[in-house]
Amino acid sequence: MSLNSTASRPERSGTGTDAAPGGPHTAGAYSPPLLHPVHHIGARTIDFRQRVALMAIINRTPDSFYDGGATYALEAAVEAALRAVHDGADWVDIGGVPFAPGPALEAEQEAARVVPVIKAVRASSDVIISADTFLPAVAEAAVEAGATVINDTSGLHNPDVARVAARAGVHLVITHSLAAPRTVYPRPQYGDVVTEVAEFLRRRSGYAQELGVPPEKLIIDPGHDLNKNTLHSLTLTRRLSEVAAVGFPVLAAVSNKDFIGETLDAPKAARVEGSLAAGVVSIMNGARILRMHNVDAARSAIRMTEAILGWRDPAYLRHNIGEVNEPVSRP
């Protein structure tokens, strides 16, 4: 079932009485008090009260943290993006520079990596496309190529990124981080990581609005592992409802990250199950967008979670439906 439309399925809502700070619970899950529940992102419309968007990750970098450059070649990046759409991604996030410390890349070089991918994907699909960048010039080029979201992992280190989003009328993702882009920030310290992250995102979303970005086009990301250690990221996941209470849709970028590897003593290739668990817990605590590498597995986890919460109908019903309980097989 696509997130393109919410009119084809019955709308359901729970009425749980176990209230939590910032909003009620629905069928055991935190329902954040969204200021603008329905978002129109390019050609797609998503009601975040009862839908979770799946964001696929396309890194056109030679030093990607996860795949080590497997999608650096243009053809490989485009193929991976279109395969993700085919496998059920609602959104593809295309980046040309990692957040991790390393040498800076000129805007022209970064744009040369992401713009051709955005153009190719946009020519084939109305999928949501975000440009993962903290440079205004790259953001502007990406929007011209067909991106409908700017995903700024620096938390508006350069406010001109927000100005680009405002002028173009596209969505903006604001992520919590402490360091300037691509710089080292050793041993980050917090008094209370959740409270401080939530307050940062509250302030930065207000700043983005002062710069012209309307609130209905804002998304926030607590920045798992970005200037945070494993205990910080686990705490953020457990108490994500406090971030979701800020009132904007929360993006949880938990896929295959180091906090999962350190928790499970698992190399990057063995973190899928941990990523799915972190993703589901994030949804239950108010996340409405999951940024994931393993699209097929993440799609199944999201759809199952939505069905359990009463937001999605099963694909079909046969078990114990008829007079005889026949062995169930996919029709």
Protein backbone atom coordinates (compact mmCIF):
# COMPACT_ATOMS: atom_id res chain seq x y z
CA MET A 1 0.00 0.00 0.00
CA SER A 2 1.37 3.38 -0.97
CA LEU A 3 1.64 6.50 1.12
CA ASN A 4 0.58 8.52 -1.92
CA SER A 5 -2.99 8.60 -0.69
CA THR A 6 -4.77 8.03 2.60
CA ALA A 7 -8.25 7.92 1.11
CA SER A 8 -8.28 4.26 0.09
CA ARG A 9 -8.10 2.82 3.62
CA PRO A 10 -10.31 3.32 6.68
CA GLU A 11 -8.99 5.85 9.18
CA ARG A 12 -8.58 4.46 12.66
CA SER A 13 -7.50 5.92 15.94
CA GLY A 14 -7.05 4.47 19.40
CA THR A 15 -8.41 5.95 22.59
CA GLY A 16 -5.95 4.71 25.18
CA THR A 17 -6.11 6.39 28.57
CA ASP A 18 -2.44 6.01 29.55
CA ALA A 19 -1.50 9.59 28.74
CA ALA A 20 2.13 10.69 28.51
CA PRO A 21 3.76 14.13 28.46
CA GLY A 22 3.03 15.85 25.15
CA GLY A 23 0.23 13.61 23.90
CA PRO A 24 -1.86 10.45 24.34
CA HIS A 25 -0.97 6.85 23.69
CA THR A 26 -2.65 4.94 20.87
CA ALA A 27 -2.79 1.16 21.15
CA GLY A 28 0.31 1.26 23.34
CA ALA A 29 2.20 3.70 21.12
CA TYR A 30 2.95 7.34 21.79
CA SER A 31 0.92 9.69 19.58
CA PRO A 32 2.90 12.91 19.27
CA PRO A 33 1.03 16.23 19.32
CA LEU A 34 1.84 17.08 15.72
CA LEU A 35 1.36 20.73 14.86
CA HIS A 36 0.72 19.75 11.23
CA PRO A 37 -0.08 16.02 10.90
CA VAL A 38 -0.61 16.00 7.13
CA HIS A 39 2.41 16.84 5.01
CA HIS A 40 2.43 17.46 1.28
CA ILE A 41 5.93 16.62 0.11
CA GLY A 42 6.27 17.03 -3.62
CA ALA A 43 3.65 14.81 -5.26
CA ARG A 44 3.09 12.76 -2.10
CA THR A 45 0.80 13.31 0.86
CA ILE A 46 1.42 11.65 4.21
CA ASP A 47 -0.76 11.74 7.30
CA PHE A 48 1.81 11.20 10.05
CA ARG A 49 -0.90 10.47 12.62
CA GLN A 50 -1.11 6.92 11.26
CA ARG A 51 1.61 6.40 8.71
CA VAL A 52 5.36 5.85 8.90
CA ALA A 53 7.47 6.83 5.90
CA LEU A 54 10.41 4.65 4.91
CA MET A 55 13.47 6.62 3.82
CA ALA A 56 16.10 4.70 1.86
CA ILE A 57 19.75 5.76 2.03
CA ILE A 58 21.79 6.37 -1.10
CA ASN A 59 25.37 7.46 -0.40
CA ARG A 60 27.32 8.55 -3.45
CA THR A 61 30.56 8.73 -1.55
CA PRO A 62 33.78 6.70 -1.77
CA ASP A 63 33.97 6.56 2.05
CA SER A 64 30.41 5.75 3.08
CA PHE A 65 30.21 4.55 6.69
CA TYR A 66 28.01 1.58 5.78
CA ASP A 67 28.76 0.32 2.29
CA GLY A 68 32.26 1.69 1.79
CA GLY A 69 31.48 3.23 -1.58
CA ALA A 70 29.30 0.51 -3.15
CA THR A 71 26.98 3.16 -4.62
CA TYR A 72 29.66 5.72 -5.49
CA ALA A 73 29.44 5.12 -9.24
CA LEU A 74 26.59 7.04 -10.83
CA GLU A 75 24.95 4.00 -12.39
CA ALA A 76 25.17 2.08 -9.12
CA ALA A 77 23.65 4.96 -7.16
CA VAL A 78 20.73 5.39 -9.55
CA GLU A 79 20.12 1.65 -9.68
CA ALA A 80 20.14 1.41 -5.87
CA ALA A 81 17.70 4.32 -5.56
CA LEU A 82 15.24 2.90 -8.08
CA ARG A 83 15.52 -0.56 -6.52
CA ALA A 84 14.68 0.97 -3.15
CA VAL A 85 11.57 2.59 -4.65
CA HIS A 86 10.59 -0.75 -6.20
CA ASP A 87 11.10 -2.45 -2.82
CA GLY A 88 8.72 -0.07 -1.08
CA ALA A 89 10.68 3.03 -0.05
CA ASP A 90 8.54 6.16 0.13
CA TRP A 91 11.56 8.39 0.19
CA VAL A 92 15.19 8.28 -0.96
CA ASP A 93 17.87 10.32 0.78
CA ILE A 94 20.79 11.08 -1.53
CA GLY A 95 24.07 12.31 -0.10
CA GLY A 96 27.52 13.09 -1.43
CA VAL A 97 29.45 13.80 1.79
CA PRO A 98 29.38 11.87 5.10
CA PHE A 99 28.77 13.63 8.42
CA ALA A 100 31.83 11.95 9.94
CA PRO A 101 35.09 13.88 10.31
CA GLY A 102 37.10 14.19 7.12
CA PRO A 103 38.30 16.62 4.46
CA ALA A 104 35.82 19.19 3.22
CA LEU A 105 34.42 18.88 -0.29
CA GLU A 106 33.75 21.89 -2.48
CA ALA A 107 30.10 22.57 -3.24
CA GLU A 108 30.67 22.03 -6.96
CA GLN A 109 32.13 18.59 -6.32
CA GLU A 110 29.38 17.58 -3.93
CA ALA A 111 26.69 18.78 -6.33
CA ALA A 112 28.33 16.81 -9.13
CA ARG A 113 27.79 13.68 -7.04
CA VAL A 114 24.17 14.15 -6.01
CA VAL A 115 22.51 16.18 -8.78
CA PRO A 116 22.75 13.52 -11.54
CA VAL A 117 21.26 10.91 -9.18
CA ILE A 118 18.40 13.19 -8.20
CA LYS A 119 17.65 13.98 -11.85
CA ALA A 120 17.63 10.32 -12.85
CA VAL A 121 15.39 9.25 -9.96
CA ARG A 122 13.00 12.14 -10.46
CA ALA A 123 12.67 11.27 -14.16
CA SER A 124 11.47 7.79 -13.18
CA SER A 125 9.43 8.32 -10.00
CA ASP A 126 7.39 10.74 -7.92
CA VAL A 127 9.09 9.37 -4.79
CA ILE A 128 10.11 11.86 -2.11
CA ILE A 129 13.75 12.83 -2.68
CA SER A 130 15.90 14.53 -0.08
CA ALA A 131 19.38 15.91 -0.52
CA ASP A 132 21.60 15.11 2.47
CA THR A 133 23.72 18.26 2.58
CA PHE A 134 24.74 21.15 4.81
CA LEU A 135 25.86 23.45 1.97
CA PRO A 136 23.37 26.01 0.61
CA ALA A 137 24.71 25.86 -2.94
CA VAL A 138 24.30 22.08 -3.03
CA ALA A 139 20.82 22.35 -1.54
CA GLU A 140 19.83 24.84 -4.22
CA ALA A 141 21.19 22.67 -7.04
CA ALA A 142 19.46 19.61 -5.59
CA VAL A 143 16.08 21.35 -5.46
CA GLU A 144 16.48 22.50 -9.06
CA ALA A 145 17.19 18.87 -10.00
CA GLY A 146 13.98 17.64 -8.36
CA ALA A 147 14.62 17.19 -4.64
CA THR A 148 11.65 18.07 -2.42
CA VAL A 149 13.47 17.94 0.93
CA ILE A 150 16.78 19.27 2.26
CA ASN A 151 18.20 17.00 4.97
CA ASP A 152 20.67 19.09 6.97
CA THR A 153 22.61 16.93 9.44
CA SER A 154 24.44 19.96 10.85
CA GLY A 155 21.42 21.50 12.59
CA LEU A 156 21.51 24.64 10.45
CA HIS A 157 25.21 25.30 11.01
CA ASN A 158 24.76 27.51 7.95
CA PRO A 159 21.40 29.32 8.15
CA ASP A 160 21.42 29.86 4.39
CA VAL A 161 20.31 26.23 4.05
CA ALA A 162 17.01 27.22 5.66
CA ARG A 163 16.79 30.26 3.41
CA VAL A 164 17.16 28.00 0.35
CA ALA A 165 14.36 25.74 1.64
CA ALA A 166 12.15 28.75 2.32
CA ARG A 167 12.64 30.23 -1.14
CA ALA A 168 12.07 26.91 -2.87
CA GLY A 169 9.08 25.91 -0.75
CA VAL A 170 10.54 22.50 0.11
CA HIS A 171 10.73 20.56 3.37
CA LEU A 172 13.67 20.89 5.72
CA VAL A 173 15.02 18.25 8.12
CA ILE A 174 16.83 19.73 11.12
CA THR A 175 19.16 17.30 12.88
CA HIS A 176 20.78 17.63 16.29
CA SER A 177 24.56 17.68 16.26
CA LEU A 178 27.21 19.57 18.21
CA ALA A 179 30.18 19.66 15.86
CA ALA A 180 30.70 21.75 12.78
CA PRO A 181 30.41 19.55 9.67
CA ARG A 182 33.23 17.02 9.15
CA THR A 183 35.06 18.01 12.35
CA VAL A 184 36.12 15.99 15.39
CA TYR A 185 34.14 16.39 18.63
CA PRO A 186 35.69 14.06 21.23
CA ARG A 187 33.80 12.71 24.24
CA PRO A 188 30.51 14.64 23.93
CA GLN A 189 28.97 15.42 27.31
CA TYR A 190 25.33 16.04 28.24
CA GLY A 191 23.57 16.71 31.50
CA ASP A 192 20.43 15.04 30.11
CA VAL A 193 20.85 14.12 26.47
CA VAL A 194 17.13 13.87 25.70
CA THR A 195 16.20 17.19 27.29
CA GLU A 196 19.09 18.96 25.60
CA VAL A 197 18.41 17.43 22.18
CA ALA A 198 14.71 18.29 22.38
CA GLU A 199 15.48 21.88 23.40
CA PHE A 200 18.04 22.26 20.59
CA LEU A 201 15.50 21.06 18.03
CA ARG A 202 12.81 23.31 19.48
CA ARG A 203 15.11 26.35 19.18
CA ARG A 204 16.38 25.45 15.73
CA SER A 205 12.89 24.81 14.36
CA GLY A 206 11.92 28.25 15.65
CA TYR A 207 14.99 29.75 13.98
CA ALA A 208 14.11 28.03 10.69
CA GLN A 209 10.66 29.60 10.85
CA GLU A 210 12.22 33.02 11.43
CA LEU A 211 14.23 32.39 8.27
CA GLY A 212 11.05 31.70 6.32
CA VAL A 213 10.44 27.95 6.50
CA PRO A 214 6.77 27.33 7.36
CA PRO A 215 6.13 24.94 10.25
CA GLU A 216 4.24 22.51 8.02
CA LYS A 217 7.49 21.91 6.15
CA LEU A 218 9.71 21.08 9.14
CA ILE A 219 10.95 17.66 10.26
CA ILE A 220 13.29 17.02 13.19
CA ASP A 221 15.91 14.33 13.75
CA PRO A 222 17.56 13.68 17.16
CA GLY A 223 20.73 12.57 15.39
CA HIS A 224 21.44 9.13 16.77
CA ASP A 225 25.22 8.67 17.11
CA LEU A 226 25.97 12.20 15.83
CA ASN A 227 28.23 13.54 18.59
CA LYS A 228 26.67 10.99 20.92
CA ASN A 229 27.99 7.77 22.42
CA THR A 230 26.10 4.48 22.56
CA LEU A 231 24.49 5.19 25.94
CA HIS A 232 23.27 8.55 24.62
CA SER A 233 21.72 6.94 21.54
CA LEU A 234 20.06 4.16 23.54
CA THR A 235 18.58 6.76 25.89
CA LEU A 236 17.33 8.84 22.96
CA THR A 237 15.60 5.79 21.51
CA ARG A 238 14.00 4.84 24.82
CA ARG A 239 12.78 8.39 25.51
CA LEU A 240 12.13 9.49 21.92
CA SER A 241 8.60 10.54 22.88
CA GLU A 242 10.13 13.58 24.60
CA VAL A 243 11.64 14.66 21.29
CA ALA A 244 8.43 13.90 19.39
CA ALA A 245 6.57 16.12 21.87
CA VAL A 246 8.24 19.13 20.20
CA GLY A 247 5.46 18.79 17.63
CA PHE A 248 7.17 18.15 14.31
CA PRO A 249 7.43 14.72 12.61
CA VAL A 250 10.48 12.89 13.93
CA LEU A 251 12.94 11.16 11.63
CA ALA A 252 14.85 8.31 13.30
CA ALA A 253 18.11 7.49 11.53
CA VAL A 254 19.08 4.34 13.42
CA SER A 255 20.11 2.01 10.61
CA ASN A 256 23.24 -0.06 11.22
CA LYS A 257 24.76 2.60 13.43
CA ASP A 258 27.58 2.13 15.90
CA PHE A 259 25.29 2.20 18.94
CA ILE A 260 23.68 -0.96 17.56
CA GLY A 261 27.04 -2.55 16.81
CA GLU A 262 28.40 -1.78 20.26
CA THR A 263 25.23 -2.96 21.99
CA LEU A 264 25.14 -6.28 20.15
CA ASP A 265 28.89 -6.71 19.54
CA ALA A 266 27.99 -6.88 15.85
CA PRO A 267 29.90 -5.78 12.74
CA LYS A 268 28.09 -3.57 10.22
CA ALA A 269 26.98 -6.54 8.14
CA ALA A 270 25.22 -8.11 11.15
CA ARG A 271 23.19 -5.16 12.45
CA VAL A 272 19.96 -5.56 10.48
CA GLU A 273 17.93 -7.16 13.27
CA GLY A 274 19.17 -4.59 15.79
CA SER A 275 18.33 -1.80 13.38
CA LEU A 276 14.79 -3.12 12.94
CA ALA A 277 14.31 -3.39 16.70
CA ALA A 278 15.53 0.18 17.19
CA GLY A 279 13.28 1.33 14.36
CA VAL A 280 10.15 -0.29 15.81
CA VAL A 281 10.86 1.09 19.30
CA SER A 282 11.32 4.52 17.68
CA ILE A 283 7.92 4.23 15.98
CA MET A 284 6.26 3.22 19.24
CA ASN A 285 7.82 6.31 20.83
CA GLY A 286 6.61 8.70 18.15
CA ALA A 287 8.98 8.50 15.15
CA ARG A 288 7.17 8.88 11.85
CA ILE A 289 10.06 8.51 9.38
CA LEU A 290 12.67 5.73 9.49
CA ARG A 291 15.94 6.18 7.59
CA MET A 292 17.08 2.65 6.77
CA HIS A 293 19.60 0.84 4.57
CA ASN A 294 17.79 -2.52 4.34
CA VAL A 295 14.61 -1.42 2.60
CA ASP A 296 12.83 -4.74 2.15
CA ALA A 297 13.24 -5.78 5.79
CA ALA A 298 12.40 -2.28 7.07
CA ARG A 299 9.26 -2.12 4.93
CA SER A 300 7.99 -5.36 6.47
CA ALA A 301 8.77 -4.14 10.00
CA ILE A 302 6.99 -0.83 9.39
CA ARG A 303 3.92 -2.42 7.82
CA MET A 304 3.63 -4.99 10.60
CA THR A 305 3.92 -2.25 13.22
CA GLU A 306 1.29 -0.14 11.45
CA ALA A 307 -1.06 -3.13 11.30
CA ILE A 308 -0.60 -3.91 15.00
CA LEU A 309 -1.41 -0.28 15.80
CA GLY A 310 -4.55 -0.47 13.69
CA TRP A 311 -3.32 1.92 11.00
CA ARG A 312 -3.07 -0.60 8.15
CA ASP A 313 -5.24 -3.50 7.02
CA PRO A 314 -3.62 -6.93 6.52
CA ALA A 315 -2.76 -7.74 2.91
CA TYR A 316 -5.33 -10.56 3.01
CA LEU A 317 -7.37 -12.59 5.52
CA ARG A 318 -7.75 -16.39 5.35
CA HIS A 319 -6.64 -17.87 8.66
CA ASN A 320 -9.69 -18.97 10.71
CA ILE A 321 -11.99 -17.02 8.42
CA GLY A 322 -13.88 -19.82 6.67
CA GLU A 323 -15.70 -22.93 7.80
CA VAL A 324 -12.48 -24.94 7.56
CA ASN A 325 -9.11 -23.67 8.69
CA GLU A 326 -7.12 -24.56 5.58
CA PRO A 327 -3.34 -24.15 5.52
CA VAL A 328 -2.68 -20.54 4.63
CA SER A 329 -0.58 -19.74 1.61
CA ARG A 330 -0.16 -16.47 -0.15
CA PRO A 331 -2.85 -16.10 -2.84
